[in-house]
Amino acid sequence: MERRSLIRLVPAAAMVVLLAACGSVPPAPPERIASERRREVAIYAMSLIDTGYRFGGKNPEAGLDCSGMVAYIFERAAGLRVSGSAADIAKLGRPVDRRRLLPGDLVFFNTLNRPLSHVGIYIGDGRFVHAPSSASGRVRIDSLGHSYFAPRYETARSYFD
């Protein structure tokens, strides 16, 4: 009789162990956290499309310039503080080869005849979100291969591991 009771308890004990294992979630690996933060940055950037441009602008209500847009998005979507001009932002990021760009990386251009004068957020498929002062004067998506931006591309930086 004791053996039968013991045999009945084994499945119940196994179920308790399985349920306990389900209740403890191991921490996400760092690369997964970085990937999620990258995705959040790219999605947030796309949500600001058509926001008006304003030189020195740091929030969507007043308008954004390129570096203000990056600072605004990185703080809200990834909890990262970046500030200053496009050139200042480029100094702190980790260099990224253009062929290895991932969503959330920053792309830099020479648009004012001075290095690192414009910045955008890479969103994948050769495209980036930025706040240009010309043309539409609104946050928009452009291609790295665009006839204006391709020859002005300088470098890329990442703030993610």
Protein backbone atom coordinates (compact mmCIF):
# COMPACT_ATOMS: atom_id res chain seq x y z
CA MET A 1 0.00 0.00 0.00
CA GLU A 2 2.84 2.41 0.75
CA ARG A 3 4.37 1.77 -2.66
CA ARG A 4 1.07 2.57 -4.43
CA SER A 5 0.72 5.84 -2.52
CA LEU A 6 4.26 6.73 -3.42
CA ILE A 7 3.65 5.96 -7.12
CA ARG A 8 0.59 8.25 -7.07
CA LEU A 9 2.61 11.05 -5.51
CA VAL A 10 5.32 11.03 -8.20
CA PRO A 11 3.15 12.63 -10.92
CA ALA A 12 1.84 15.19 -8.45
CA ALA A 13 5.37 16.05 -7.30
CA ALA A 14 6.50 16.36 -10.92
CA MET A 15 3.63 18.75 -11.61
CA VAL A 16 4.61 20.91 -8.61
CA VAL A 17 8.22 21.07 -9.84
CA LEU A 18 7.09 22.03 -13.36
CA LEU A 19 4.75 24.72 -12.10
CA ALA A 20 7.48 26.14 -9.85
CA ALA A 21 9.83 26.29 -12.84
CA CYS A 22 7.21 28.20 -14.83
CA GLY A 23 6.92 30.77 -12.08
CA SER A 24 10.58 31.76 -12.22
CA VAL A 25 11.57 33.49 -15.39
CA PRO A 26 15.30 33.74 -16.03
CA PRO A 27 16.56 37.21 -16.82
CA ALA A 28 16.70 38.09 -20.50
CA PRO A 29 20.17 37.91 -22.02
CA PRO A 30 21.81 41.32 -22.64
CA GLU A 31 21.62 40.95 -26.43
CA ARG A 32 17.86 40.44 -26.22
CA ILE A 33 17.43 43.52 -24.05
CA ALA A 34 19.52 45.56 -26.50
CA SER A 35 17.47 44.19 -29.39
CA GLU A 36 14.21 45.19 -27.70
CA ARG A 37 15.54 48.68 -26.96
CA ARG A 38 16.68 49.06 -30.57
CA ARG A 39 13.22 48.07 -31.79
CA GLU A 40 11.58 50.53 -29.42
CA VAL A 41 13.81 53.34 -30.71
CA ALA A 42 12.97 52.53 -34.34
CA ILE A 43 9.23 52.33 -33.64
CA TYR A 44 9.26 55.55 -31.63
CA ALA A 45 11.15 57.30 -34.44
CA MET A 46 8.52 56.20 -36.96
CA SER A 47 5.75 57.47 -34.68
CA LEU A 48 7.15 61.00 -35.05
CA ILE A 49 6.93 61.09 -38.83
CA ASP A 50 5.41 64.39 -40.01
CA THR A 51 6.41 66.21 -36.83
CA GLY A 52 7.48 69.73 -37.74
CA TYR A 53 11.09 70.87 -37.94
CA ARG A 54 12.48 73.61 -35.72
CA PHE A 55 16.16 74.50 -35.37
CA GLY A 56 17.15 73.68 -31.79
CA GLY A 57 13.83 71.88 -31.25
CA LYS A 58 13.84 69.24 -28.55
CA ASN A 59 10.22 68.09 -28.36
CA PRO A 60 7.49 67.25 -30.86
CA GLU A 61 5.11 69.96 -29.67
CA ALA A 62 7.57 72.75 -30.50
CA GLY A 63 9.27 70.97 -33.39
CA LEU A 64 12.44 68.93 -33.64
CA ASP A 65 15.82 69.28 -35.25
CA CYS A 66 17.90 66.18 -35.99
CA SER A 67 19.86 65.99 -32.74
CA GLY A 68 16.85 67.04 -30.65
CA MET A 69 14.84 64.24 -32.26
CA VAL A 70 17.53 61.67 -31.42
CA ALA A 71 17.82 62.87 -27.82
CA TYR A 72 14.04 62.89 -27.36
CA ILE A 73 13.57 59.39 -28.79
CA PHE A 74 16.53 57.77 -27.04
CA GLU A 75 15.46 59.07 -23.64
CA ARG A 76 11.83 58.00 -23.98
CA ALA A 77 12.20 54.74 -25.89
CA ALA A 78 15.46 53.41 -24.45
CA GLY A 79 16.09 55.38 -21.27
CA LEU A 80 19.40 56.66 -22.69
CA ARG A 81 20.52 60.27 -22.40
CA VAL A 82 22.25 61.67 -25.43
CA SER A 83 22.61 65.37 -26.00
CA GLY A 84 24.36 68.06 -27.92
CA SER A 85 24.87 68.47 -31.64
CA ALA A 86 25.03 65.63 -34.13
CA ALA A 87 28.84 65.76 -33.86
CA ASP A 88 28.64 65.56 -30.04
CA ILE A 89 26.34 62.55 -30.23
CA ALA A 90 28.69 60.82 -32.68
CA LYS A 91 31.65 61.14 -30.29
CA LEU A 92 30.09 58.91 -27.65
CA GLY A 93 28.65 56.09 -29.73
CA ARG A 94 30.43 52.89 -30.74
CA PRO A 95 31.44 52.85 -34.45
CA VAL A 96 29.33 50.55 -36.62
CA ASP A 97 30.21 49.31 -40.10
CA ARG A 98 27.58 50.44 -42.60
CA ARG A 99 27.04 46.82 -43.68
CA ARG A 100 26.18 45.86 -40.10
CA LEU A 101 23.65 48.56 -39.27
CA LEU A 102 20.77 47.51 -37.04
CA PRO A 103 17.56 49.35 -36.21
CA GLY A 104 18.25 51.96 -33.55
CA ASP A 105 21.78 52.73 -34.75
CA LEU A 106 22.54 56.33 -35.62
CA VAL A 107 23.66 57.41 -39.08
CA PHE A 108 25.61 60.63 -39.64
CA PHE A 109 25.98 62.86 -42.67
CA ASN A 110 27.88 65.93 -43.82
CA THR A 111 25.02 68.11 -45.01
CA LEU A 112 26.36 71.58 -44.16
CA ASN A 113 29.91 71.26 -45.50
CA ARG A 114 31.09 70.25 -42.05
CA PRO A 115 31.60 66.75 -40.68
CA LEU A 116 28.81 65.09 -38.71
CA SER A 117 26.34 67.91 -39.23
CA HIS A 118 23.22 65.72 -39.53
CA VAL A 119 22.01 62.59 -37.73
CA GLY A 120 19.19 60.11 -38.26
CA ILE A 121 17.98 56.84 -36.72
CA TYR A 122 18.41 53.73 -38.82
CA ILE A 123 15.20 51.66 -39.02
CA GLY A 124 16.30 48.82 -41.31
CA ASP A 125 16.21 48.04 -45.03
CA GLY A 126 18.61 50.88 -45.82
CA ARG A 127 16.22 53.52 -44.42
CA PHE A 128 16.48 56.07 -41.64
CA VAL A 129 14.22 58.55 -39.86
CA HIS A 130 15.47 62.12 -39.52
CA ALA A 131 14.39 65.72 -39.09
CA PRO A 132 15.61 67.60 -42.16
CA SER A 133 15.46 71.36 -42.34
CA SER A 134 14.94 71.45 -46.08
CA ALA A 135 12.21 70.22 -48.42
CA SER A 136 9.25 69.16 -46.31
CA GLY A 137 10.59 70.54 -43.03
CA ARG A 138 9.11 67.53 -41.26
CA VAL A 139 10.41 64.32 -39.70
CA ARG A 140 10.49 61.74 -42.48
CA ILE A 141 12.01 58.50 -43.74
CA ASP A 142 14.73 58.53 -46.37
CA SER A 143 17.03 55.94 -47.91
CA LEU A 144 20.77 55.79 -47.33
CA GLY A 145 20.97 55.29 -51.08
CA HIS A 146 19.03 58.50 -51.86
CA SER A 147 20.93 60.68 -54.34
CA TYR A 148 21.28 63.44 -51.75
CA PHE A 149 22.27 61.34 -48.73
CA ALA A 150 24.46 58.61 -50.28
CA PRO A 151 27.41 60.90 -51.07
CA ARG A 152 27.04 62.72 -47.76
CA TYR A 153 27.01 59.62 -45.54
CA GLU A 154 29.93 59.69 -43.10
CA THR A 155 29.61 57.09 -40.36
CA ALA A 156 27.30 55.19 -38.03
CA ARG A 157 27.31 54.80 -34.28
CA SER A 158 25.52 52.57 -31.80
CA TYR A 159 24.58 53.23 -28.22
CA PHE A 160 23.60 49.59 -27.73
CA ASP A 161 25.79 46.57 -26.94
